[in-house]
Amino acid sequence: MVKAASVPFEDERYSYLAVSRGTVAQGHARIVKPPIEQKPAILLPLCDEAGLRLQTVARRDKEQFRMARRKGWGDLF
């Protein structure tokens, strides 16, 4: 709407920031970009209390891989 775009692929992506005064759940990371699916693995760009990192989930780890395939941008991992 801001750009007066006429086609849906001109939409801009956005990010958000979540702030809390209390403690947050430890041990969870948020997916900050769309997951990158490759043949042998899925790459998840994550952000947690330690900072940004890239997590690789191999196809041979079936349970983790199945869970990672269902995750999207903004989800907890």
PDB file of N, CA and C in Angstrom:
ATOM      1  N   MET A   1       0.827  -1.191   0.000  1.00  0.00           N
ATOM      2  CA  MET A   1       0.000   0.000   0.000  1.00  0.00           C
ATOM      3  C   MET A   1       0.872   1.255   0.000  1.00  0.00           C
ATOM      4  N   VAL A   2       1.989   1.195   0.718  1.00  0.00           N
ATOM      5  CA  VAL A   2       2.866   2.364   0.787  1.00  0.00           C
ATOM      6  C   VAL A   2       3.489   2.648  -0.572  1.00  0.00           C
ATOM      7  N   LYS A   3       3.885   1.579  -1.283  1.00  0.00           N
ATOM      8  CA  LYS A   3       4.524   1.739  -2.590  1.00  0.00           C
ATOM      9  C   LYS A   3       3.516   1.852  -3.730  1.00  0.00           C
ATOM     10  N   ALA A   4       2.227   1.668  -3.424  1.00  0.00           N
ATOM     11  CA  ALA A   4       1.178   1.658  -4.441  1.00  0.00           C
ATOM     12  C   ALA A   4       1.456   0.575  -5.479  1.00  0.00           C
ATOM     13  N   ALA A   5       1.867  -0.581  -5.011  1.00  0.00           N
ATOM     14  CA  ALA A   5       2.186  -1.696  -5.894  1.00  0.00           C
ATOM     15  C   ALA A   5       0.896  -2.326  -6.406  1.00  0.00           C
ATOM     16  N   SER A   6       0.953  -2.835  -7.626  1.00  0.00           N
ATOM     17  CA  SER A   6      -0.242  -3.438  -8.212  1.00  0.00           C
ATOM     18  C   SER A   6      -0.157  -4.954  -8.304  1.00  0.00           C
ATOM     19  N   VAL A   7       1.008  -5.538  -8.061  1.00  0.00           N
ATOM     20  CA  VAL A   7       1.154  -6.997  -8.118  1.00  0.00           C
ATOM     21  C   VAL A   7       1.622  -7.505  -6.752  1.00  0.00           C
ATOM     22  N   PRO A   8       1.203  -8.729  -6.372  1.00  0.00           N
ATOM     23  CA  PRO A   8       1.504  -9.207  -5.020  1.00  0.00           C
ATOM     24  C   PRO A   8       2.974  -9.516  -4.742  1.00  0.00           C
ATOM     25  N   PHE A   9       3.800  -9.747  -5.776  1.00  0.00           N
ATOM     26  CA  PHE A   9       5.190 -10.086  -5.514  1.00  0.00           C
ATOM     27  C   PHE A   9       6.053  -8.866  -5.217  1.00  0.00           C
ATOM     28  N   GLU A  10       5.493  -7.685  -5.229  1.00  0.00           N
ATOM     29  CA  GLU A  10       6.243  -6.484  -4.866  1.00  0.00           C
ATOM     30  C   GLU A  10       6.162  -6.191  -3.370  1.00  0.00           C
ATOM     31  N   ASP A  11       5.499  -7.063  -2.622  1.00  0.00           N
ATOM     32  CA  ASP A  11       5.391  -6.862  -1.177  1.00  0.00           C
ATOM     33  C   ASP A  11       6.762  -6.966  -0.529  1.00  0.00           C
ATOM     34  N   GLU A  12       6.991  -6.136   0.446  1.00  0.00           N
ATOM     35  CA  GLU A  12       8.259  -6.139   1.173  1.00  0.00           C
ATOM     36  C   GLU A  12       8.177  -7.070   2.373  1.00  0.00           C
ATOM     37  N   ARG A  13       9.267  -7.735   2.686  1.00  0.00           N
ATOM     38  CA  ARG A  13       9.345  -8.534   3.904  1.00  0.00           C
ATOM     39  C   ARG A  13       9.592  -7.591   5.070  1.00  0.00           C
ATOM     40  N   TYR A  14       9.281  -8.046   6.260  1.00  0.00           N
ATOM     41  CA  TYR A  14       9.467  -7.216   7.433  1.00  0.00           C
ATOM     42  C   TYR A  14      10.015  -8.063   8.565  1.00  0.00           C
ATOM     43  N   SER A  15      10.518  -7.421   9.565  1.00  0.00           N
ATOM     44  CA  SER A  15      10.995  -8.112  10.759  1.00  0.00           C
ATOM     45  C   SER A  15      10.343  -7.468  11.967  1.00  0.00           C
ATOM     46  N   TYR A  16      10.485  -8.122  13.090  1.00  0.00           N
ATOM     47  CA  TYR A  16       9.893  -7.595  14.306  1.00  0.00           C
ATOM     48  C   TYR A  16      10.822  -7.865  15.469  1.00  0.00           C
ATOM     49  N   LEU A  17      10.560  -7.186  16.560  1.00  0.00           N
ATOM     50  CA  LEU A  17      11.360  -7.318  17.769  1.00  0.00           C
ATOM     51  C   LEU A  17      10.413  -7.596  18.915  1.00  0.00           C
ATOM     52  N   ALA A  18      10.702  -8.625  19.696  1.00  0.00           N
ATOM     53  CA  ALA A  18       9.888  -8.957  20.867  1.00  0.00           C
ATOM     54  C   ALA A  18      10.705  -8.630  22.111  1.00  0.00           C
ATOM     55  N   VAL A  19      10.126  -7.850  23.010  1.00  0.00           N
ATOM     56  CA  VAL A  19      10.809  -7.411  24.216  1.00  0.00           C
ATOM     57  C   VAL A  19       9.975  -7.829  25.424  1.00  0.00           C
ATOM     58  N   SER A  20      10.661  -8.280  26.466  1.00  0.00           N
ATOM     59  CA  SER A  20       9.968  -8.705  27.673  1.00  0.00           C
ATOM     60  C   SER A  20      10.751  -8.256  28.897  1.00  0.00           C
ATOM     61  N   ARG A  21      10.048  -7.845  29.919  1.00  0.00           N
ATOM     62  CA  ARG A  21      10.710  -7.484  31.175  1.00  0.00           C
ATOM     63  C   ARG A  21      11.050  -8.727  31.988  1.00  0.00           C
ATOM     64  N   GLY A  22      10.255  -9.750  31.851  1.00  0.00           N
ATOM     65  CA  GLY A  22      10.473 -10.992  32.595  1.00  0.00           C
ATOM     66  C   GLY A  22      11.457 -11.901  31.879  1.00  0.00           C
ATOM     67  N   THR A  23      11.612 -13.089  32.391  1.00  0.00           N
ATOM     68  CA  THR A  23      12.505 -14.053  31.765  1.00  0.00           C
ATOM     69  C   THR A  23      11.793 -14.717  30.597  1.00  0.00           C
ATOM     70  N   VAL A  24      12.569 -15.131  29.630  1.00  0.00           N
ATOM     71  CA  VAL A  24      12.022 -15.833  28.466  1.00  0.00           C
ATOM     72  C   VAL A  24      12.424 -17.293  28.554  1.00  0.00           C
ATOM     73  N   ALA A  25      11.746 -18.121  27.785  1.00  0.00           N
ATOM     74  CA  ALA A  25      12.032 -19.556  27.800  1.00  0.00           C
ATOM     75  C   ALA A  25      13.465 -19.802  27.328  1.00  0.00           C
ATOM     76  N   GLN A  26      14.249 -20.441  28.162  1.00  0.00           N
ATOM     77  CA  GLN A  26      15.642 -20.749  27.821  1.00  0.00           C
ATOM     78  C   GLN A  26      15.691 -21.979  26.925  1.00  0.00           C
ATOM     79  N   GLY A  27      16.684 -22.038  26.083  1.00  0.00           N
ATOM     80  CA  GLY A  27      16.885 -23.211  25.250  1.00  0.00           C
ATOM     81  C   GLY A  27      16.140 -23.176  23.932  1.00  0.00           C
ATOM     82  N   HIS A  28      15.412 -22.096  23.647  1.00  0.00           N
ATOM     83  CA  HIS A  28      14.699 -21.988  22.383  1.00  0.00           C
ATOM     84  C   HIS A  28      15.353 -20.917  21.525  1.00  0.00           C
ATOM     85  N   ALA A  29      15.279 -21.111  20.231  1.00  0.00           N
ATOM     86  CA  ALA A  29      15.793 -20.135  19.283  1.00  0.00           C
ATOM     87  C   ALA A  29      14.679 -19.819  18.290  1.00  0.00           C
ATOM     88  N   ARG A  30      14.695 -18.610  17.741  1.00  0.00           N
ATOM     89  CA  ARG A  30      13.694 -18.212  16.764  1.00  0.00           C
ATOM     90  C   ARG A  30      14.322 -18.227  15.376  1.00  0.00           C
ATOM     91  N   ILE A  31      13.562 -18.719  14.398  1.00  0.00           N
ATOM     92  CA  ILE A  31      14.006 -18.743  13.003  1.00  0.00           C
ATOM     93  C   ILE A  31      13.827 -17.344  12.440  1.00  0.00           C
ATOM     94  N   VAL A  32      14.923 -16.705  12.023  1.00  0.00           N
ATOM     95  CA  VAL A  32      14.887 -15.299  11.624  1.00  0.00           C
ATOM     96  C   VAL A  32      14.847 -15.072  10.116  1.00  0.00           C
ATOM     97  N   LYS A  33      15.003 -16.119   9.324  1.00  0.00           N
ATOM     98  CA  LYS A  33      14.903 -16.037   7.864  1.00  0.00           C
ATOM     99  C   LYS A  33      14.207 -17.303   7.382  1.00  0.00           C
ATOM    100  N   PRO A  34      13.740 -17.320   6.155  1.00  0.00           N
ATOM    101  CA  PRO A  34      13.151 -18.560   5.651  1.00  0.00           C
ATOM    102  C   PRO A  34      14.188 -19.685   5.655  1.00  0.00           C
ATOM    103  N   PRO A  35      13.798 -20.901   6.073  1.00  0.00           N
ATOM    104  CA  PRO A  35      14.728 -22.031   6.057  1.00  0.00           C
ATOM    105  C   PRO A  35      15.207 -22.323   4.643  1.00  0.00           C
ATOM    106  N   ILE A  36      16.453 -22.760   4.535  1.00  0.00           N
ATOM    107  CA  ILE A  36      17.062 -23.083   3.245  1.00  0.00           C
ATOM    108  C   ILE A  36      17.088 -24.602   3.114  1.00  0.00           C
ATOM    109  N   GLU A  37      16.290 -25.130   2.182  1.00  0.00           N
ATOM    110  CA  GLU A  37      16.225 -26.581   1.995  1.00  0.00           C
ATOM    111  C   GLU A  37      17.218 -27.006   0.932  1.00  0.00           C
ATOM    112  N   GLN A  38      18.101 -27.916   1.313  1.00  0.00           N
ATOM    113  CA  GLN A  38      19.062 -28.506   0.397  1.00  0.00           C
ATOM    114  C   GLN A  38      18.820 -30.001   0.395  1.00  0.00           C
ATOM    115  N   LYS A  39      19.415 -30.707  -0.538  1.00  0.00           N
ATOM    116  CA  LYS A  39      19.166 -32.142  -0.622  1.00  0.00           C
ATOM    117  C   LYS A  39      19.616 -32.907   0.631  1.00  0.00           C
ATOM    118  N   PRO A  40      20.833 -32.669   1.147  1.00  0.00           N
ATOM    119  CA  PRO A  40      21.230 -33.461   2.320  1.00  0.00           C
ATOM    120  C   PRO A  40      20.781 -32.896   3.661  1.00  0.00           C
ATOM    121  N   ALA A  41      20.322 -31.637   3.691  1.00  0.00           N
ATOM    122  CA  ALA A  41      20.008 -31.026   4.990  1.00  0.00           C
ATOM    123  C   ALA A  41      19.142 -29.791   4.815  1.00  0.00           C
ATOM    124  N   ILE A  42      18.671 -29.271   5.949  1.00  0.00           N
ATOM    125  CA  ILE A  42      17.957 -27.994   5.993  1.00  0.00           C
ATOM    126  C   ILE A  42      18.797 -27.050   6.850  1.00  0.00           C
ATOM    127  N   LEU A  43      19.015 -25.847   6.344  1.00  0.00           N
ATOM    128  CA  LEU A  43      19.764 -24.833   7.080  1.00  0.00           C
ATOM    129  C   LEU A  43      18.765 -23.861   7.704  1.00  0.00           C
ATOM    130  N   LEU A  44      18.869 -23.673   9.021  1.00  0.00           N
ATOM    131  CA  LEU A  44      17.972 -22.791   9.743  1.00  0.00           C
ATOM    132  C   LEU A  44      18.751 -21.607  10.317  1.00  0.00           C
ATOM    133  N   PRO A  45      18.504 -20.388   9.843  1.00  0.00           N
ATOM    134  CA  PRO A  45      19.115 -19.215  10.444  1.00  0.00           C
ATOM    135  C   PRO A  45      18.389 -18.895  11.753  1.00  0.00           C
ATOM    136  N   LEU A  46      19.074 -19.035  12.874  1.00  0.00           N
ATOM    137  CA  LEU A  46      18.453 -18.906  14.185  1.00  0.00           C
ATOM    138  C   LEU A  46      19.013 -17.730  14.971  1.00  0.00           C
ATOM    139  N   CYS A  47      18.214 -17.252  15.928  1.00  0.00           N
ATOM    140  CA  CYS A  47      18.639 -16.243  16.884  1.00  0.00           C
ATOM    141  C   CYS A  47      18.229 -16.730  18.269  1.00  0.00           C
ATOM    142  N   ASP A  48      19.178 -16.783  19.190  1.00  0.00           N
ATOM    143  CA  ASP A  48      18.879 -17.169  20.569  1.00  0.00           C
ATOM    144  C   ASP A  48      19.647 -16.250  21.513  1.00  0.00           C
ATOM    145  N   GLU A  49      19.709 -16.604  22.785  1.00  0.00           N
ATOM    146  CA  GLU A  49      20.358 -15.727  23.758  1.00  0.00           C
ATOM    147  C   GLU A  49      21.848 -15.525  23.480  1.00  0.00           C
ATOM    148  N   ALA A  50      22.476 -16.425  22.716  1.00  0.00           N
ATOM    149  CA  ALA A  50      23.892 -16.290  22.381  1.00  0.00           C
ATOM    150  C   ALA A  50      24.121 -15.435  21.136  1.00  0.00           C
ATOM    151  N   GLY A  51      23.068 -15.205  20.331  1.00  0.00           N
ATOM    152  CA  GLY A  51      23.201 -14.410  19.116  1.00  0.00           C
ATOM    153  C   GLY A  51      22.712 -15.161  17.898  1.00  0.00           C
ATOM    154  N   LEU A  52      23.148 -14.707  16.728  1.00  0.00           N
ATOM    155  CA  LEU A  52      22.752 -15.333  15.470  1.00  0.00           C
ATOM    156  C   LEU A  52      23.628 -16.540  15.168  1.00  0.00           C
ATOM    157  N   ARG A  53      23.010 -17.580  14.603  1.00  0.00           N
ATOM    158  CA  ARG A  53      23.775 -18.763  14.202  1.00  0.00           C
ATOM    159  C   ARG A  53      23.023 -19.486  13.103  1.00  0.00           C
ATOM    160  N   LEU A  54      23.712 -20.348  12.388  1.00  0.00           N
ATOM    161  CA  LEU A  54      23.133 -21.143  11.316  1.00  0.00           C
ATOM    162  C   LEU A  54      23.152 -22.601  11.752  1.00  0.00           C
ATOM    163  N   GLN A  55      21.982 -23.190  11.933  1.00  0.00           N
ATOM    164  CA  GLN A  55      21.853 -24.583  12.392  1.00  0.00           C
ATOM    165  C   GLN A  55      21.607 -25.475  11.179  1.00  0.00           C
ATOM    166  N   THR A  56      22.358 -26.564  11.075  1.00  0.00           N
ATOM    167  CA  THR A  56      22.169 -27.541  10.014  1.00  0.00           C
ATOM    168  C   THR A  56      21.485 -28.767  10.589  1.00  0.00           C
ATOM    169  N   VAL A  57      20.374 -29.164   9.975  1.00  0.00           N
ATOM    170  CA  VAL A  57      19.647 -30.361  10.385  1.00  0.00           C
ATOM    171  C   VAL A  57      19.766 -31.365   9.247  1.00  0.00           C
ATOM    172  N   ALA A  58      20.510 -32.438   9.488  1.00  0.00           N
ATOM    173  CA  ALA A  58      20.776 -33.442   8.459  1.00  0.00           C
ATOM    174  C   ALA A  58      19.563 -34.336   8.242  1.00  0.00           C
ATOM    175  N   ARG A  59      19.415 -34.815   7.028  1.00  0.00           N
ATOM    176  CA  ARG A  59      18.307 -35.706   6.675  1.00  0.00           C
ATOM    177  C   ARG A  59      18.383 -37.023   7.451  1.00  0.00           C
ATOM    178  N   ARG A  60      19.568 -37.469   7.798  1.00  0.00           N
ATOM    179  CA  ARG A  60      19.705 -38.748   8.496  1.00  0.00           C
ATOM    180  C   ARG A  60      19.174 -38.694   9.935  1.00  0.00           C
ATOM    181  N   ASP A  61      19.055 -37.499  10.506  1.00  0.00           N
ATOM    182  CA  ASP A  61      18.434 -37.333  11.817  1.00  0.00           C
ATOM    183  C   ASP A  61      16.935 -37.148  11.582  1.00  0.00           C
ATOM    184  N   LYS A  62      16.225 -38.250  11.402  1.00  0.00           N
ATOM    185  CA  LYS A  62      14.859 -38.249  10.888  1.00  0.00           C
ATOM    186  C   LYS A  62      13.877 -37.426  11.710  1.00  0.00           C
ATOM    187  N   GLU A  63      13.907 -37.548  13.027  1.00  0.00           N
ATOM    188  CA  GLU A  63      12.944 -36.820  13.852  1.00  0.00           C
ATOM    189  C   GLU A  63      13.179 -35.317  13.809  1.00  0.00           C
ATOM    190  N   GLN A  64      14.427 -34.888  13.956  1.00  0.00           N
ATOM    191  CA  GLN A  64      14.763 -33.462  13.878  1.00  0.00           C
ATOM    192  C   GLN A  64      14.460 -32.902  12.484  1.00  0.00           C
ATOM    193  N   PHE A  65      14.768 -33.690  11.440  1.00  0.00           N
ATOM    194  CA  PHE A  65      14.545 -33.247  10.066  1.00  0.00           C
ATOM    195  C   PHE A  65      13.052 -33.066   9.804  1.00  0.00           C
ATOM    196  N   ARG A  66      12.237 -33.990  10.283  1.00  0.00           N
ATOM    197  CA  ARG A  66      10.792 -33.906  10.114  1.00  0.00           C
ATOM    198  C   ARG A  66      10.251 -32.651  10.805  1.00  0.00           C
ATOM    199  N   MET A  67      10.756 -32.378  11.996  1.00  0.00           N
ATOM    200  CA  MET A  67      10.322 -31.196  12.735  1.00  0.00           C
ATOM    201  C   MET A  67      10.782 -29.916  12.024  1.00  0.00           C
ATOM    202  N   ALA A  68      12.005 -29.908  11.508  1.00  0.00           N
ATOM    203  CA  ALA A  68      12.548 -28.726  10.836  1.00  0.00           C
ATOM    204  C   ALA A  68      11.805 -28.424   9.540  1.00  0.00           C
ATOM    205  N   ARG A  69      11.331 -29.450   8.840  1.00  0.00           N
ATOM    206  CA  ARG A  69      10.592 -29.239   7.590  1.00  0.00           C
ATOM    207  C   ARG A  69       9.277 -28.508   7.829  1.00  0.00           C
ATOM    208  N   ARG A  70       8.686 -28.682   8.992  1.00  0.00           N
ATOM    209  CA  ARG A  70       7.404 -28.056   9.305  1.00  0.00           C
ATOM    210  C   ARG A  70       7.563 -26.627   9.815  1.00  0.00           C
ATOM    211  N   LYS A  71       8.760 -26.232  10.151  1.00  0.00           N
ATOM    212  CA  LYS A  71       9.003 -24.902  10.720  1.00  0.00           C
ATOM    213  C   LYS A  71       9.111 -23.854   9.611  1.00  0.00           C
ATOM    214  N   GLY A  72       8.772 -22.629   9.966  1.00  0.00           N
ATOM    215  CA  GLY A  72       8.869 -21.514   9.029  1.00  0.00           C
ATOM    216  C   GLY A  72       9.468 -20.303   9.698  1.00  0.00           C
ATOM    217  N   TRP A  73       9.548 -19.251   8.952  1.00  0.00           N
ATOM    218  CA  TRP A  73      10.129 -17.997   9.407  1.00  0.00           C
ATOM    219  C   TRP A  73       9.331 -17.472  10.591  1.00  0.00           C
ATOM    220  N   GLY A  74       9.998 -17.196  11.715  1.00  0.00           N
ATOM    221  CA  GLY A  74       9.359 -16.664  12.902  1.00  0.00           C
ATOM    222  C   GLY A  74       9.020 -17.705  13.959  1.00  0.00           C
ATOM    223  N   ASP A  75       9.101 -18.995  13.611  1.00  0.00           N
ATOM    224  CA  ASP A  75       8.773 -20.055  14.559  1.00  0.00           C
ATOM    225  C   ASP A  75       9.907 -20.291  15.549  1.00  0.00           C
ATOM    226  N   LEU A  76       9.576 -20.891  16.691  1.00  0.00           N
ATOM    227  CA  LEU A  76      10.593 -21.307  17.657  1.00  0.00           C
ATOM    228  C   LEU A  76      11.135 -22.661  17.262  1.00  0.00           C
ATOM    229  N   PHE A  77      12.429 -22.867  17.503  1.00  0.00           N
ATOM    230  CA  PHE A  77      13.056 -24.148  17.194  1.00  0.00           C
ATOM    231  C   PHE A  77      13.785 -24.636  18.419  1.00  0.00           C
TER     232      PHE A  77
END
